[in-house]
Amino acid sequence: MIKTKINFKLNGEEKIIYVDPLKRLIDILRDDFKLTGTKEGCGEGECGACSVLINNKLVNSCLVTSSLIEGKEIITIEGYSKTEKFNILKNSFEETGSVQCGFCTPGMILASEYLLSNNSHPKEEEIREALEGNLCRCTGYNAIVDAVMKASITGDGLW
């Protein structure tokens, strides 16, 4: 197997790995860096459980090969969890009962961050649209929408 040198930034730290250029980002995160907050649900880019931020854009890491991360900045839930904005979202999710099994939560949190970074005061319809790519089998979506709305108010000025 041919391995390629890949340089990228992961959660604020410069990284260099030698890896198969077709290895998926989700596998690199979970296997090589032991960052297990990124979950694999469908493996087809439909559920959002594997969501990460690449250059501040929400991306399904199961669809990204290692060759596509060269020179990019990747933020996982582990890196994002060290921010003040994460604490606001986490508290909002807890207070509205938006977390049950927790499998979808990392992807939902990052999708919420992406939305709020681009629209700090979204309307309900805009929240629902922004979360369409993230599936939840436990909560339904009303509590999650409420959490994002609450975070937009609580974190006013951060996003």
N, C-alpha and C. Protein backbone atom coordinates (compact mmCIF):
# COMPACT_ATOMS: atom_id res chain seq x y z
N MET A 1 0.84 -1.18 0.00
CA MET A 1 0.00 0.00 0.00
C MET A 1 0.89 1.25 0.00
N ILE A 2 0.55 2.18 -0.86
CA ILE A 2 1.27 3.45 -0.95
C ILE A 2 0.74 4.38 0.13
N LYS A 3 1.66 5.00 0.86
CA LYS A 3 1.26 5.97 1.87
C LYS A 3 1.74 7.34 1.44
N THR A 4 0.89 8.32 1.70
CA THR A 4 1.16 9.70 1.32
C THR A 4 1.34 10.53 2.58
N LYS A 5 2.24 11.49 2.51
CA LYS A 5 2.43 12.42 3.62
C LYS A 5 1.34 13.48 3.55
N ILE A 6 0.62 13.65 4.65
CA ILE A 6 -0.47 14.62 4.72
C ILE A 6 -0.18 15.58 5.89
N ASN A 7 -0.18 16.87 5.60
CA ASN A 7 -0.02 17.92 6.60
C ASN A 7 -1.35 18.60 6.80
N PHE A 8 -1.77 18.76 8.03
CA PHE A 8 -3.02 19.46 8.31
C PHE A 8 -3.01 19.91 9.77
N LYS A 9 -4.00 20.72 10.10
CA LYS A 9 -4.15 21.19 11.48
C LYS A 9 -5.37 20.51 12.07
N LEU A 10 -5.19 19.90 13.23
CA LEU A 10 -6.27 19.19 13.91
C LEU A 10 -6.48 19.79 15.29
N ASN A 11 -7.64 20.37 15.49
CA ASN A 11 -7.97 20.99 16.77
C ASN A 11 -6.89 21.95 17.24
N GLY A 12 -6.37 22.73 16.28
CA GLY A 12 -5.40 23.76 16.59
C GLY A 12 -3.95 23.33 16.58
N GLU A 13 -3.67 22.04 16.37
CA GLU A 13 -2.30 21.53 16.37
C GLU A 13 -1.91 21.05 14.97
N GLU A 14 -0.70 21.41 14.56
CA GLU A 14 -0.18 20.92 13.28
C GLU A 14 0.06 19.42 13.37
N LYS A 15 -0.35 18.70 12.35
CA LYS A 15 -0.18 17.24 12.29
C LYS A 15 0.42 16.84 10.96
N ILE A 16 1.21 15.78 11.00
CA ILE A 16 1.74 15.14 9.80
C ILE A 16 1.48 13.65 9.97
N ILE A 17 0.83 13.06 8.97
CA ILE A 17 0.63 11.62 9.00
C ILE A 17 1.03 11.04 7.64
N TYR A 18 1.39 9.79 7.65
CA TYR A 18 1.67 9.02 6.44
C TYR A 18 0.57 7.98 6.36
N VAL A 19 -0.26 8.11 5.33
CA VAL A 19 -1.48 7.32 5.28
C VAL A 19 -1.88 7.04 3.84
N ASP A 20 -2.64 5.99 3.66
CA ASP A 20 -3.25 5.69 2.36
C ASP A 20 -4.07 6.92 1.94
N PRO A 21 -3.85 7.44 0.74
CA PRO A 21 -4.57 8.65 0.32
C PRO A 21 -6.08 8.46 0.21
N LEU A 22 -6.55 7.24 0.25
CA LEU A 22 -7.99 6.99 0.18
C LEU A 22 -8.61 6.68 1.54
N LYS A 23 -7.80 6.67 2.59
CA LYS A 23 -8.35 6.43 3.93
C LYS A 23 -9.28 7.59 4.29
N ARG A 24 -10.43 7.24 4.85
CA ARG A 24 -11.42 8.25 5.19
C ARG A 24 -11.00 9.05 6.43
N LEU A 25 -11.40 10.30 6.45
CA LEU A 25 -11.08 11.16 7.57
C LEU A 25 -11.64 10.61 8.88
N ILE A 26 -12.85 10.08 8.87
CA ILE A 26 -13.42 9.54 10.10
C ILE A 26 -12.52 8.44 10.68
N ASP A 27 -11.94 7.62 9.81
CA ASP A 27 -11.07 6.54 10.27
C ASP A 27 -9.75 7.09 10.80
N ILE A 28 -9.25 8.14 10.19
CA ILE A 28 -8.03 8.79 10.69
C ILE A 28 -8.29 9.35 12.08
N LEU A 29 -9.40 10.05 12.23
CA LEU A 29 -9.73 10.66 13.53
C LEU A 29 -9.88 9.61 14.61
N ARG A 30 -10.64 8.57 14.33
CA ARG A 30 -10.94 7.56 15.35
C ARG A 30 -9.78 6.60 15.57
N ASP A 31 -9.16 6.11 14.49
CA ASP A 31 -8.13 5.08 14.62
C ASP A 31 -6.74 5.66 14.91
N ASP A 32 -6.35 6.68 14.17
CA ASP A 32 -5.00 7.21 14.29
C ASP A 32 -4.85 8.22 15.42
N PHE A 33 -5.91 8.99 15.69
CA PHE A 33 -5.82 10.03 16.71
C PHE A 33 -6.69 9.76 17.93
N LYS A 34 -7.41 8.64 17.92
CA LYS A 34 -8.25 8.22 19.05
C LYS A 34 -9.27 9.29 19.46
N LEU A 35 -9.77 10.03 18.48
CA LEU A 35 -10.81 11.04 18.70
C LEU A 35 -12.15 10.38 18.38
N THR A 36 -12.75 9.79 19.38
CA THR A 36 -13.94 8.96 19.16
C THR A 36 -15.26 9.73 19.31
N GLY A 37 -15.20 11.03 19.51
CA GLY A 37 -16.42 11.83 19.55
C GLY A 37 -17.10 11.88 18.20
N THR A 38 -16.33 11.76 17.15
CA THR A 38 -16.87 11.71 15.79
C THR A 38 -17.38 10.28 15.58
N LYS A 39 -18.66 10.14 15.34
CA LYS A 39 -19.31 8.82 15.25
C LYS A 39 -19.55 8.43 13.80
N GLU A 40 -19.57 7.12 13.57
CA GLU A 40 -19.98 6.65 12.25
C GLU A 40 -21.37 6.04 12.37
N GLY A 41 -22.29 6.65 11.66
CA GLY A 41 -23.66 6.14 11.64
C GLY A 41 -23.89 5.37 10.35
N CYS A 42 -24.09 6.09 9.28
CA CYS A 42 -24.44 5.47 8.01
C CYS A 42 -23.25 5.17 7.11
N GLY A 43 -22.17 5.94 7.24
CA GLY A 43 -21.02 5.77 6.37
C GLY A 43 -21.26 6.26 4.95
N GLU A 44 -22.38 6.96 4.73
CA GLU A 44 -22.74 7.41 3.39
C GLU A 44 -23.05 8.91 3.33
N GLY A 45 -22.75 9.65 4.41
CA GLY A 45 -22.97 11.09 4.41
C GLY A 45 -24.41 11.50 4.58
N GLU A 46 -25.24 10.62 5.12
CA GLU A 46 -26.67 10.92 5.25
C GLU A 46 -27.10 11.25 6.67
N CYS A 47 -26.32 10.86 7.70
CA CYS A 47 -26.83 10.99 9.07
C CYS A 47 -26.20 12.12 9.88
N GLY A 48 -25.03 12.60 9.50
CA GLY A 48 -24.40 13.71 10.20
C GLY A 48 -23.68 13.34 11.48
N ALA A 49 -23.68 12.07 11.87
CA ALA A 49 -23.01 11.68 13.12
C ALA A 49 -21.50 11.91 13.05
N CYS A 50 -20.96 11.94 11.86
CA CYS A 50 -19.52 12.09 11.68
C CYS A 50 -19.10 13.52 11.34
N SER A 51 -20.00 14.47 11.58
CA SER A 51 -19.73 15.86 11.22
C SER A 51 -18.51 16.43 11.92
N VAL A 52 -17.70 17.15 11.15
CA VAL A 52 -16.57 17.93 11.65
C VAL A 52 -16.58 19.26 10.90
N LEU A 53 -15.77 20.17 11.37
CA LEU A 53 -15.59 21.43 10.65
C LEU A 53 -14.25 21.38 9.93
N ILE A 54 -14.27 21.60 8.63
CA ILE A 54 -13.05 21.69 7.84
C ILE A 54 -13.01 23.10 7.27
N ASN A 55 -11.98 23.84 7.66
CA ASN A 55 -11.89 25.26 7.27
C ASN A 55 -13.20 25.98 7.54
N ASN A 56 -13.77 25.71 8.72
CA ASN A 56 -15.00 26.34 9.21
C ASN A 56 -16.25 25.99 8.41
N LYS A 57 -16.22 24.90 7.66
CA LYS A 57 -17.40 24.42 6.93
C LYS A 57 -17.79 23.06 7.51
N LEU A 58 -19.08 22.83 7.67
CA LEU A 58 -19.58 21.56 8.19
C LEU A 58 -19.45 20.49 7.12
N VAL A 59 -18.79 19.38 7.47
CA VAL A 59 -18.51 18.33 6.50
C VAL A 59 -18.73 16.96 7.16
N ASN A 60 -19.23 16.02 6.39
CA ASN A 60 -19.35 14.63 6.85
C ASN A 60 -18.00 13.95 6.63
N SER A 61 -17.33 13.61 7.71
CA SER A 61 -15.98 13.07 7.61
C SER A 61 -15.93 11.68 6.98
N CYS A 62 -17.06 10.99 6.90
CA CYS A 62 -17.06 9.68 6.25
C CYS A 62 -16.92 9.80 4.73
N LEU A 63 -17.12 11.01 4.20
CA LEU A 63 -17.05 11.23 2.75
C LEU A 63 -15.74 11.88 2.30
N VAL A 64 -14.86 12.15 3.25
CA VAL A 64 -13.62 12.88 2.96
C VAL A 64 -12.44 11.92 3.04
N THR A 65 -11.66 11.85 1.96
CA THR A 65 -10.46 11.03 1.99
C THR A 65 -9.28 11.85 2.51
N SER A 66 -8.26 11.16 2.98
CA SER A 66 -7.10 11.84 3.55
C SER A 66 -6.45 12.79 2.56
N SER A 67 -6.48 12.46 1.30
CA SER A 67 -5.85 13.33 0.30
C SER A 67 -6.52 14.70 0.22
N LEU A 68 -7.75 14.80 0.69
CA LEU A 68 -8.49 16.07 0.64
C LEU A 68 -8.27 16.96 1.86
N ILE A 69 -7.52 16.47 2.86
CA ILE A 69 -7.32 17.29 4.06
C ILE A 69 -5.96 17.98 4.07
N GLU A 70 -5.17 17.76 3.05
CA GLU A 70 -3.86 18.41 2.96
C GLU A 70 -4.01 19.93 3.14
N GLY A 71 -3.30 20.48 4.13
CA GLY A 71 -3.29 21.92 4.36
C GLY A 71 -4.56 22.48 4.99
N LYS A 72 -5.49 21.62 5.36
CA LYS A 72 -6.77 22.08 5.91
C LYS A 72 -6.71 22.16 7.44
N GLU A 73 -7.68 22.89 7.99
CA GLU A 73 -7.85 22.95 9.44
C GLU A 73 -9.12 22.20 9.80
N ILE A 74 -8.99 21.21 10.67
CA ILE A 74 -10.11 20.35 11.06
C ILE A 74 -10.39 20.56 12.54
N ILE A 75 -11.66 20.76 12.85
CA ILE A 75 -12.10 20.87 14.23
C ILE A 75 -13.09 19.74 14.48
N THR A 76 -12.80 18.92 15.49
CA THR A 76 -13.71 17.86 15.91
C THR A 76 -14.44 18.33 17.16
N ILE A 77 -15.35 17.52 17.63
CA ILE A 77 -16.07 17.86 18.86
C ILE A 77 -15.10 17.99 20.03
N GLU A 78 -14.03 17.21 20.03
CA GLU A 78 -13.04 17.30 21.11
C GLU A 78 -12.36 18.66 21.13
N GLY A 79 -12.01 19.17 19.97
CA GLY A 79 -11.39 20.48 19.90
C GLY A 79 -12.39 21.58 20.20
N TYR A 80 -13.58 21.45 19.66
CA TYR A 80 -14.61 22.46 19.88
C TYR A 80 -15.03 22.52 21.35
N SER A 81 -14.93 21.39 22.04
CA SER A 81 -15.38 21.34 23.44
C SER A 81 -14.54 22.21 24.36
N LYS A 82 -13.44 22.72 23.87
CA LYS A 82 -12.57 23.58 24.68
C LYS A 82 -12.92 25.06 24.53
N THR A 83 -14.03 25.36 23.86
CA THR A 83 -14.40 26.75 23.60
C THR A 83 -15.57 27.20 24.47
N GLU A 84 -15.68 28.48 24.64
CA GLU A 84 -16.81 29.05 25.38
C GLU A 84 -18.12 28.79 24.65
N LYS A 85 -18.09 28.84 23.32
CA LYS A 85 -19.30 28.61 22.54
C LYS A 85 -19.82 27.18 22.76
N PHE A 86 -18.92 26.23 22.88
CA PHE A 86 -19.33 24.85 23.16
C PHE A 86 -20.12 24.80 24.47
N ASN A 87 -19.60 25.45 25.50
CA ASN A 87 -20.27 25.41 26.81
C ASN A 87 -21.68 25.98 26.73
N ILE A 88 -21.86 27.02 25.94
CA ILE A 88 -23.19 27.59 25.78
C ILE A 88 -24.11 26.59 25.08
N LEU A 89 -23.63 25.97 24.01
CA LEU A 89 -24.44 24.97 23.31
C LEU A 89 -24.71 23.76 24.20
N LYS A 90 -23.69 23.26 24.88
CA LYS A 90 -23.84 22.10 25.76
C LYS A 90 -24.90 22.37 26.82
N ASN A 91 -24.79 23.52 27.48
CA ASN A 91 -25.77 23.86 28.52
C ASN A 91 -27.17 24.00 27.94
N SER A 92 -27.28 24.59 26.77
CA SER A 92 -28.59 24.73 26.12
C SER A 92 -29.17 23.37 25.77
N PHE A 93 -28.35 22.46 25.27
CA PHE A 93 -28.82 21.10 24.94
C PHE A 93 -29.28 20.39 26.22
N GLU A 94 -28.52 20.53 27.30
CA GLU A 94 -28.90 19.88 28.55
C GLU A 94 -30.19 20.46 29.12
N GLU A 95 -30.29 21.78 29.13
CA GLU A 95 -31.44 22.45 29.74
C GLU A 95 -32.74 22.21 28.98
N THR A 96 -32.66 21.94 27.71
CA THR A 96 -33.87 21.71 26.91
C THR A 96 -34.18 20.22 26.74
N GLY A 97 -33.37 19.35 27.33
CA GLY A 97 -33.59 17.91 27.21
C GLY A 97 -33.31 17.39 25.82
N SER A 98 -32.32 17.98 25.16
CA SER A 98 -32.01 17.62 23.77
C SER A 98 -31.07 16.43 23.64
N VAL A 99 -30.60 15.89 24.75
CA VAL A 99 -29.66 14.78 24.71
C VAL A 99 -30.31 13.56 25.36
N GLN A 100 -30.38 12.48 24.59
CA GLN A 100 -30.86 11.23 25.18
C GLN A 100 -29.74 10.20 25.08
N CYS A 101 -29.62 9.49 23.97
CA CYS A 101 -28.55 8.51 23.88
C CYS A 101 -27.20 9.18 23.65
N GLY A 102 -27.19 10.34 23.01
CA GLY A 102 -25.96 11.10 22.81
C GLY A 102 -25.21 10.79 21.53
N PHE A 103 -25.63 9.79 20.77
CA PHE A 103 -24.90 9.40 19.57
C PHE A 103 -24.84 10.53 18.55
N CYS A 104 -25.94 11.23 18.36
CA CYS A 104 -25.98 12.29 17.36
C CYS A 104 -25.46 13.62 17.88
N THR A 105 -25.30 13.74 19.18
CA THR A 105 -25.03 15.03 19.81
C THR A 105 -23.77 15.73 19.28
N PRO A 106 -22.63 15.05 19.13
CA PRO A 106 -21.47 15.77 18.60
C PRO A 106 -21.72 16.40 17.24
N GLY A 107 -22.37 15.67 16.35
CA GLY A 107 -22.70 16.21 15.03
C GLY A 107 -23.70 17.34 15.11
N MET A 108 -24.69 17.20 16.00
CA MET A 108 -25.69 18.26 16.18
C MET A 108 -25.03 19.53 16.73
N ILE A 109 -24.12 19.37 17.67
CA ILE A 109 -23.43 20.53 18.26
C ILE A 109 -22.62 21.25 17.18
N LEU A 110 -21.87 20.50 16.37
CA LEU A 110 -21.06 21.13 15.33
C LEU A 110 -21.94 21.74 14.24
N ALA A 111 -23.06 21.12 13.91
CA ALA A 111 -23.99 21.71 12.94
C ALA A 111 -24.58 23.01 13.51
N SER A 112 -24.84 23.01 14.80
CA SER A 112 -25.36 24.21 15.46
C SER A 112 -24.32 25.33 15.45
N GLU A 113 -23.07 24.96 15.72
CA GLU A 113 -21.97 25.94 15.67
C GLU A 113 -21.87 26.55 14.28
N TYR A 114 -21.92 25.70 13.27
CA TYR A 114 -21.81 26.18 11.90
C TYR A 114 -22.95 27.15 11.58
N LEU A 115 -24.16 26.78 11.97
CA LEU A 115 -25.31 27.66 11.74
C LEU A 115 -25.10 28.99 12.46
N LEU A 116 -24.83 28.95 13.75
CA LEU A 116 -24.74 30.17 14.54
C LEU A 116 -23.57 31.05 14.12
N SER A 117 -22.52 30.45 13.61
CA SER A 117 -21.39 31.24 13.11
C SER A 117 -21.76 32.01 11.85
N ASN A 118 -22.74 31.51 11.13
CA ASN A 118 -23.17 32.15 9.90
C ASN A 118 -24.48 32.92 10.04
N ASN A 119 -25.19 32.67 11.13
CA ASN A 119 -26.48 33.32 11.37
C ASN A 119 -26.72 33.29 12.88
N SER A 120 -26.28 34.33 13.56
CA SER A 120 -26.30 34.32 15.03
C SER A 120 -27.69 34.41 15.65
N HIS A 121 -28.68 34.78 14.88
CA HIS A 121 -30.06 34.85 15.39
C HIS A 121 -31.02 34.18 14.41
N PRO A 122 -30.90 32.85 14.25
CA PRO A 122 -31.73 32.17 13.27
C PRO A 122 -33.18 32.03 13.73
N LYS A 123 -34.05 31.97 12.76
CA LYS A 123 -35.46 31.67 13.01
C LYS A 123 -35.61 30.15 13.09
N GLU A 124 -36.73 29.71 13.61
CA GLU A 124 -36.96 28.27 13.78
C GLU A 124 -36.78 27.52 12.46
N GLU A 125 -37.33 28.05 11.38
CA GLU A 125 -37.23 27.37 10.07
C GLU A 125 -35.77 27.24 9.63
N GLU A 126 -34.98 28.27 9.93
CA GLU A 126 -33.57 28.25 9.55
C GLU A 126 -32.80 27.21 10.36
N ILE A 127 -33.15 27.05 11.63
CA ILE A 127 -32.51 26.03 12.47
C ILE A 127 -32.86 24.65 11.93
N ARG A 128 -34.13 24.44 11.65
CA ARG A 128 -34.55 23.12 11.14
C ARG A 128 -33.84 22.80 9.82
N GLU A 129 -33.72 23.78 8.96
CA GLU A 129 -33.03 23.57 7.69
C GLU A 129 -31.54 23.26 7.91
N ALA A 130 -30.91 23.97 8.84
CA ALA A 130 -29.49 23.76 9.10
C ALA A 130 -29.20 22.39 9.70
N LEU A 131 -30.16 21.84 10.41
CA LEU A 131 -29.97 20.53 11.05
C LEU A 131 -30.49 19.36 10.22
N GLU A 132 -31.00 19.64 9.01
CA GLU A 132 -31.56 18.58 8.17
C GLU A 132 -30.60 17.43 7.91
N GLY A 133 -29.32 17.71 7.83
CA GLY A 133 -28.34 16.66 7.53
C GLY A 133 -27.90 15.86 8.73
N ASN A 134 -28.51 16.10 9.89
CA ASN A 134 -28.16 15.39 11.11
C ASN A 134 -29.39 14.67 11.64
N LEU A 135 -29.30 13.35 11.70
CA LEU A 135 -30.43 12.54 12.14
C LEU A 135 -30.35 12.22 13.63
N CYS A 136 -31.52 12.21 14.26
CA CYS A 136 -31.63 11.83 15.67
C CYS A 136 -32.80 10.87 15.78
N ARG A 137 -32.58 9.73 16.40
CA ARG A 137 -33.64 8.75 16.53
C ARG A 137 -34.32 8.80 17.89
N CYS A 138 -33.79 9.60 18.82
CA CYS A 138 -34.31 9.58 20.19
C CYS A 138 -35.19 10.76 20.55
N THR A 139 -34.73 11.96 20.29
CA THR A 139 -35.39 13.13 20.85
C THR A 139 -36.51 13.70 20.00
N GLY A 140 -36.56 13.36 18.72
CA GLY A 140 -37.35 14.18 17.83
C GLY A 140 -36.50 15.43 17.66
N TYR A 141 -37.00 16.43 17.06
CA TYR A 141 -36.13 17.57 16.80
C TYR A 141 -36.55 18.83 17.54
N ASN A 142 -37.73 18.86 18.13
CA ASN A 142 -38.20 20.08 18.76
C ASN A 142 -37.27 20.55 19.87
N ALA A 143 -36.84 19.65 20.73
CA ALA A 143 -35.95 20.03 21.83
C ALA A 143 -34.61 20.52 21.30
N ILE A 144 -34.12 19.93 20.22
CA ILE A 144 -32.85 20.36 19.64
C ILE A 144 -32.99 21.75 19.04
N VAL A 145 -34.09 21.99 18.35
CA VAL A 145 -34.35 23.33 17.80
C VAL A 145 -34.42 24.34 18.95
N ASP A 146 -35.10 23.97 20.03
CA ASP A 146 -35.17 24.85 21.20
C ASP A 146 -33.79 25.13 21.77
N ALA A 147 -32.94 24.12 21.79
CA ALA A 147 -31.57 24.29 22.32
C ALA A 147 -30.77 25.28 21.49
N VAL A 148 -30.87 25.18 20.19
CA VAL A 148 -30.13 26.09 19.31
C VAL A 148 -30.67 27.51 19.47
N MET A 149 -31.98 27.64 19.56
CA MET A 149 -32.58 28.96 19.77
C MET A 149 -32.10 29.55 21.10
N LYS A 150 -32.10 28.73 22.14
CA LYS A 150 -31.65 29.18 23.47
C LYS A 150 -30.19 29.60 23.41
N ALA A 151 -29.35 28.82 22.75
CA ALA A 151 -27.92 29.14 22.64
C ALA A 151 -27.72 30.46 21.88
N SER A 152 -28.54 30.71 20.88
CA SER A 152 -28.38 31.95 20.11
C SER A 152 -28.68 33.16 20.99
N ILE A 153 -29.57 33.00 21.92
CA ILE A 153 -29.90 34.10 22.85
C ILE A 153 -28.87 34.20 23.96
N THR A 154 -28.55 33.06 24.57
CA THR A 154 -27.58 33.04 25.67
C THR A 154 -26.20 33.50 25.21
N GLY A 155 -25.80 33.09 24.04
CA GLY A 155 -24.47 33.40 23.52
C GLY A 155 -24.44 34.65 22.66
N ASP A 156 -25.44 35.49 22.80
CA ASP A 156 -25.52 36.70 21.98
C ASP A 156 -24.19 37.46 22.04
N GLY A 157 -23.63 37.73 20.90
CA GLY A 157 -22.37 38.44 20.81
C GLY A 157 -21.17 37.53 20.59
N LEU A 158 -21.31 36.24 20.87
CA LEU A 158 -20.21 35.29 20.64
C LEU A 158 -20.13 34.84 19.19
N TRP A 159 -21.30 34.70 18.57
CA TRP A 159 -21.32 34.21 17.20
C TRP A 159 -21.43 35.37 16.23
